[in-house]
Amino acid sequence: MNQIQTNTMKAKFNGKCVECGESIKVGKEILKNSEDKWVHKACSDLEEELP
């Protein structure tokens, strides 16, 4: 079974979401997408694993 591990964290720097093009502000929840780039949590194309 292939498990995708996603880790949500809070942004430490301002940046830009490569999925929606909007800015990522410090403190917003972000995670990496399937291309290993940081995006908004809601913009990720990966589903977060439930505990």
C-alpha atoms as a PDB file:
ATOM      1  CA  MET A   1       0.000   0.000   0.000  1.00  0.00           C
ATOM      2  CA  ASN A   2       1.359   3.430  -0.975  1.00  0.00           C
ATOM      3  CA  GLN A   3       0.663   6.039   1.688  1.00  0.00           C
ATOM      4  CA  ILE A   4       1.051   9.726   1.018  1.00  0.00           C
ATOM      5  CA  GLN A   5       2.232  11.579   4.066  1.00  0.00           C
ATOM      6  CA  THR A   6       1.235  15.215   4.333  1.00  0.00           C
ATOM      7  CA  ASN A   7       2.259  17.562   7.083  1.00  0.00           C
ATOM      8  CA  THR A   8       0.377  20.792   7.566  1.00  0.00           C
ATOM      9  CA  MET A   9       2.355  23.610   9.105  1.00  0.00           C
ATOM     10  CA  LYS A  10       2.064  27.351   9.580  1.00  0.00           C
ATOM     11  CA  ALA A  11       3.894  29.525   7.069  1.00  0.00           C
ATOM     12  CA  LYS A  12       7.005  31.159   8.520  1.00  0.00           C
ATOM     13  CA  PHE A  13       7.466  33.475   5.527  1.00  0.00           C
ATOM     14  CA  ASN A  14       5.236  35.297   3.068  1.00  0.00           C
ATOM     15  CA  GLY A  15       5.075  33.589  -0.315  1.00  0.00           C
ATOM     16  CA  LYS A  16       2.858  32.715  -3.255  1.00  0.00           C
ATOM     17  CA  CYS A  17       0.685  29.644  -3.706  1.00  0.00           C
ATOM     18  CA  VAL A  18       1.563  27.926  -6.997  1.00  0.00           C
ATOM     19  CA  GLU A  19      -1.929  26.386  -7.189  1.00  0.00           C
ATOM     20  CA  CYS A  20      -4.181  29.472  -6.881  1.00  0.00           C
ATOM     21  CA  GLY A  21      -1.660  32.275  -7.408  1.00  0.00           C
ATOM     22  CA  GLU A  22      -2.733  34.081  -4.229  1.00  0.00           C
ATOM     23  CA  SER A  23      -0.269  35.165  -1.576  1.00  0.00           C
ATOM     24  CA  ILE A  24       0.573  32.983   1.408  1.00  0.00           C
ATOM     25  CA  LYS A  25       0.800  35.079   4.562  1.00  0.00           C
ATOM     26  CA  VAL A  26       2.859  34.261   7.645  1.00  0.00           C
ATOM     27  CA  GLY A  27       0.809  32.066   9.989  1.00  0.00           C
ATOM     28  CA  LYS A  28      -1.460  30.529   7.340  1.00  0.00           C
ATOM     29  CA  GLU A  29      -1.708  26.734   7.200  1.00  0.00           C
ATOM     30  CA  ILE A  30       0.279  25.313   4.296  1.00  0.00           C
ATOM     31  CA  LEU A  31       1.420  21.926   3.051  1.00  0.00           C
ATOM     32  CA  LYS A  32       3.276  20.487   0.082  1.00  0.00           C
ATOM     33  CA  ASN A  33       1.442  19.423  -3.061  1.00  0.00           C
ATOM     34  CA  SER A  34       2.217  16.466  -5.332  1.00  0.00           C
ATOM     35  CA  GLU A  35       5.021  18.502  -6.956  1.00  0.00           C
ATOM     36  CA  ASP A  36       6.664  19.060  -3.544  1.00  0.00           C
ATOM     37  CA  LYS A  37       5.820  22.789  -3.544  1.00  0.00           C
ATOM     38  CA  TRP A  38       4.257  24.677  -0.635  1.00  0.00           C
ATOM     39  CA  VAL A  39       0.615  25.664  -1.168  1.00  0.00           C
ATOM     40  CA  HIS A  40      -2.386  26.726   0.925  1.00  0.00           C
ATOM     41  CA  LYS A  41      -3.833  23.788   2.836  1.00  0.00           C
ATOM     42  CA  ALA A  42      -7.103  24.153   0.880  1.00  0.00           C
ATOM     43  CA  CYS A  43      -5.259  24.272  -2.469  1.00  0.00           C
ATOM     44  CA  SER A  44      -3.297  21.036  -2.062  1.00  0.00           C
ATOM     45  CA  ASP A  45      -4.026  18.274  -4.546  1.00  0.00           C
ATOM     46  CA  LEU A  46      -3.156  15.694  -1.892  1.00  0.00           C
ATOM     47  CA  GLU A  47      -5.582  14.461   0.715  1.00  0.00           C
ATOM     48  CA  GLU A  48      -4.446  14.660   4.287  1.00  0.00           C
ATOM     49  CA  GLU A  49      -4.291  11.309   6.055  1.00  0.00           C
ATOM     50  CA  LEU A  50      -6.764  10.951   8.899  1.00  0.00           C
ATOM     51  CA  PRO A  51      -5.484   9.548  12.187  1.00  0.00           C
END
